[in-house]
Amino acid sequence: MRSVEQGESFTITRNGTPIGRLIPIRRRTFVPKAEVMAAFATSPILDADRFRNDIDGAIDPTFSDREW
């Protein structure tokens, strides 16, 4: 487990056949707010009504004809 804590990965085998992997959990990387805001500054503006209409046009928003 110490090796996994230090970043090492292992392949788990049964009778020589790989059956799984033991890998370290990636730690979250902090991204400064200014960097996130800069990335979103160049993204397109979302029109919520138009988005909803697109979704409703693709999927029937009513439940009346569904059998539960």
N, C-alpha and C. Protein backbone atom coordinates (compact mmCIF):
# COMPACT_ATOMS: atom_id res chain seq x y z
N MET A 1 0.82 -1.18 0.00
CA MET A 1 0.00 0.00 0.00
C MET A 1 0.87 1.26 0.00
N ARG A 2 2.04 1.18 0.63
CA ARG A 2 2.92 2.36 0.62
C ARG A 2 3.32 2.72 -0.80
N SER A 3 3.59 1.70 -1.60
CA SER A 3 3.98 1.96 -2.99
C SER A 3 2.85 2.64 -3.76
N VAL A 4 1.62 2.21 -3.52
CA VAL A 4 0.47 2.84 -4.18
C VAL A 4 0.35 4.28 -3.71
N GLU A 5 0.53 4.51 -2.41
CA GLU A 5 0.50 5.88 -1.88
C GLU A 5 1.54 6.76 -2.57
N GLN A 6 2.65 6.16 -2.95
CA GLN A 6 3.74 6.92 -3.57
C GLN A 6 3.60 7.00 -5.09
N GLY A 7 2.45 6.51 -5.62
CA GLY A 7 2.17 6.68 -7.04
C GLY A 7 2.35 5.46 -7.91
N GLU A 8 2.77 4.33 -7.33
CA GLU A 8 3.00 3.14 -8.13
C GLU A 8 1.68 2.40 -8.39
N SER A 9 1.55 1.79 -9.57
CA SER A 9 0.37 1.01 -9.94
C SER A 9 0.75 -0.46 -10.05
N PHE A 10 -0.23 -1.33 -9.82
CA PHE A 10 0.01 -2.77 -9.88
C PHE A 10 -1.10 -3.45 -10.66
N THR A 11 -0.74 -4.51 -11.40
CA THR A 11 -1.72 -5.36 -12.06
C THR A 11 -1.94 -6.57 -11.18
N ILE A 12 -3.20 -6.85 -10.88
CA ILE A 12 -3.55 -8.00 -10.04
C ILE A 12 -3.85 -9.16 -10.97
N THR A 13 -3.25 -10.32 -10.68
CA THR A 13 -3.46 -11.49 -11.53
C THR A 13 -3.99 -12.67 -10.74
N ARG A 14 -4.66 -13.56 -11.44
CA ARG A 14 -5.09 -14.85 -10.87
C ARG A 14 -4.59 -15.91 -11.84
N ASN A 15 -3.73 -16.78 -11.34
CA ASN A 15 -3.13 -17.83 -12.17
C ASN A 15 -2.47 -17.24 -13.42
N GLY A 16 -1.83 -16.08 -13.26
CA GLY A 16 -1.11 -15.45 -14.35
C GLY A 16 -1.96 -14.61 -15.29
N THR A 17 -3.27 -14.58 -15.06
CA THR A 17 -4.17 -13.81 -15.91
C THR A 17 -4.53 -12.50 -15.22
N PRO A 18 -4.29 -11.36 -15.88
CA PRO A 18 -4.66 -10.08 -15.26
C PRO A 18 -6.17 -10.00 -15.02
N ILE A 19 -6.54 -9.61 -13.80
CA ILE A 19 -7.96 -9.49 -13.46
C ILE A 19 -8.32 -8.10 -12.91
N GLY A 20 -7.33 -7.29 -12.65
CA GLY A 20 -7.62 -5.97 -12.10
C GLY A 20 -6.38 -5.13 -11.98
N ARG A 21 -6.59 -3.88 -11.54
CA ARG A 21 -5.48 -2.96 -11.33
C ARG A 21 -5.64 -2.28 -10.00
N LEU A 22 -4.55 -2.09 -9.33
CA LEU A 22 -4.51 -1.32 -8.08
C LEU A 22 -3.74 -0.05 -8.41
N ILE A 23 -4.44 1.08 -8.38
CA ILE A 23 -3.82 2.34 -8.77
C ILE A 23 -4.08 3.40 -7.72
N PRO A 24 -3.19 4.37 -7.61
CA PRO A 24 -3.43 5.45 -6.64
C PRO A 24 -4.59 6.33 -7.09
N ILE A 25 -5.32 6.85 -6.13
CA ILE A 25 -6.38 7.79 -6.43
C ILE A 25 -5.73 9.12 -6.75
N ARG A 26 -6.16 9.70 -7.86
CA ARG A 26 -5.61 11.00 -8.23
C ARG A 26 -6.13 12.07 -7.28
N ARG A 27 -5.23 12.87 -6.83
CA ARG A 27 -5.63 13.99 -5.99
C ARG A 27 -6.16 15.09 -6.89
N ARG A 28 -7.17 15.79 -6.39
CA ARG A 28 -7.73 16.89 -7.17
C ARG A 28 -6.70 17.99 -7.32
N THR A 29 -6.70 18.58 -8.49
CA THR A 29 -5.80 19.69 -8.77
C THR A 29 -6.57 20.99 -8.60
N PHE A 30 -6.06 21.86 -7.77
CA PHE A 30 -6.69 23.15 -7.55
C PHE A 30 -6.45 24.03 -8.76
N VAL A 31 -7.52 24.61 -9.25
CA VAL A 31 -7.41 25.57 -10.35
C VAL A 31 -7.86 26.92 -9.82
N PRO A 32 -7.00 27.92 -9.88
CA PRO A 32 -7.38 29.24 -9.37
C PRO A 32 -8.62 29.79 -10.07
N LYS A 33 -9.43 30.52 -9.32
CA LYS A 33 -10.68 31.08 -9.85
C LYS A 33 -10.42 31.94 -11.09
N ALA A 34 -9.38 32.73 -11.06
CA ALA A 34 -9.07 33.60 -12.20
C ALA A 34 -8.84 32.79 -13.47
N GLU A 35 -8.20 31.64 -13.34
CA GLU A 35 -7.93 30.79 -14.50
C GLU A 35 -9.23 30.18 -15.04
N VAL A 36 -10.11 29.76 -14.15
CA VAL A 36 -11.41 29.21 -14.57
C VAL A 36 -12.23 30.28 -15.27
N MET A 37 -12.28 31.46 -14.69
CA MET A 37 -13.06 32.55 -15.27
C MET A 37 -12.50 32.94 -16.65
N ALA A 38 -11.20 32.91 -16.81
CA ALA A 38 -10.59 33.22 -18.10
C ALA A 38 -10.98 32.18 -19.14
N ALA A 39 -11.04 30.91 -18.75
CA ALA A 39 -11.44 29.85 -19.67
C ALA A 39 -12.89 30.02 -20.10
N PHE A 40 -13.77 30.37 -19.16
CA PHE A 40 -15.18 30.56 -19.49
C PHE A 40 -15.44 31.85 -20.25
N ALA A 41 -14.55 32.80 -20.16
CA ALA A 41 -14.75 34.09 -20.82
C ALA A 41 -14.84 33.94 -22.34
N THR A 42 -14.20 32.94 -22.90
CA THR A 42 -14.21 32.74 -24.35
C THR A 42 -15.24 31.72 -24.79
N SER A 43 -15.99 31.15 -23.86
CA SER A 43 -17.00 30.16 -24.23
C SER A 43 -18.27 30.86 -24.70
N PRO A 44 -19.06 30.17 -25.54
CA PRO A 44 -20.29 30.80 -26.02
C PRO A 44 -21.30 31.02 -24.90
N ILE A 45 -22.13 32.03 -25.06
CA ILE A 45 -23.16 32.32 -24.07
C ILE A 45 -24.32 31.36 -24.29
N LEU A 46 -24.81 30.77 -23.23
CA LEU A 46 -25.90 29.80 -23.30
C LEU A 46 -27.23 30.52 -23.16
N ASP A 47 -28.09 30.32 -24.14
CA ASP A 47 -29.46 30.84 -24.07
C ASP A 47 -30.31 29.73 -23.48
N ALA A 48 -30.72 29.87 -22.23
CA ALA A 48 -31.42 28.80 -21.51
C ALA A 48 -32.73 28.41 -22.18
N ASP A 49 -33.49 29.38 -22.68
CA ASP A 49 -34.76 29.06 -23.34
C ASP A 49 -34.55 28.27 -24.63
N ARG A 50 -33.58 28.69 -25.41
CA ARG A 50 -33.29 27.98 -26.66
C ARG A 50 -32.79 26.57 -26.37
N PHE A 51 -31.95 26.44 -25.35
CA PHE A 51 -31.45 25.12 -24.96
C PHE A 51 -32.61 24.21 -24.56
N ARG A 52 -33.53 24.73 -23.74
CA ARG A 52 -34.68 23.94 -23.29
C ARG A 52 -35.55 23.53 -24.48
N ASN A 53 -35.77 24.45 -25.41
CA ASN A 53 -36.56 24.12 -26.60
C ASN A 53 -35.89 23.03 -27.43
N ASP A 54 -34.57 23.08 -27.54
CA ASP A 54 -33.84 22.03 -28.27
C ASP A 54 -34.03 20.68 -27.60
N ILE A 55 -33.92 20.66 -26.28
CA ILE A 55 -34.10 19.40 -25.54
C ILE A 55 -35.53 18.89 -25.70
N ASP A 56 -36.51 19.78 -25.51
CA ASP A 56 -37.91 19.38 -25.65
C ASP A 56 -38.22 18.89 -27.06
N GLY A 57 -37.55 19.45 -28.06
CA GLY A 57 -37.76 19.01 -29.43
C GLY A 57 -37.19 17.63 -29.70
N ALA A 58 -36.17 17.26 -28.96
CA ALA A 58 -35.53 15.95 -29.15
C ALA A 58 -36.16 14.87 -28.30
N ILE A 59 -36.72 15.25 -27.15
CA ILE A 59 -37.29 14.28 -26.21
C ILE A 59 -38.67 14.76 -25.81
N ASP A 60 -39.64 13.87 -25.84
CA ASP A 60 -41.00 14.23 -25.45
C ASP A 60 -41.02 14.56 -23.96
N PRO A 61 -41.37 15.80 -23.59
CA PRO A 61 -41.32 16.20 -22.18
C PRO A 61 -42.52 15.73 -21.36
N THR A 62 -43.47 15.04 -21.98
CA THR A 62 -44.65 14.58 -21.23
C THR A 62 -44.45 13.16 -20.74
N PHE A 63 -45.13 12.83 -19.65
CA PHE A 63 -45.03 11.50 -19.08
C PHE A 63 -46.34 10.72 -19.24
N SER A 64 -47.35 11.34 -19.83
CA SER A 64 -48.68 10.74 -19.85
C SER A 64 -48.75 9.41 -20.59
N ASP A 65 -47.92 9.20 -21.59
CA ASP A 65 -48.02 7.96 -22.36
C ASP A 65 -47.04 6.88 -21.90
N ARG A 66 -46.36 7.12 -20.82
CA ARG A 66 -45.40 6.13 -20.31
C ARG A 66 -46.07 5.17 -19.37
N GLU A 67 -45.69 3.92 -19.48
CA GLU A 67 -46.20 2.91 -18.57
C GLU A 67 -45.18 2.67 -17.47
N TRP A 68 -45.60 2.84 -16.24
CA TRP A 68 -44.70 2.60 -15.11
C TRP A 68 -45.07 1.31 -14.52
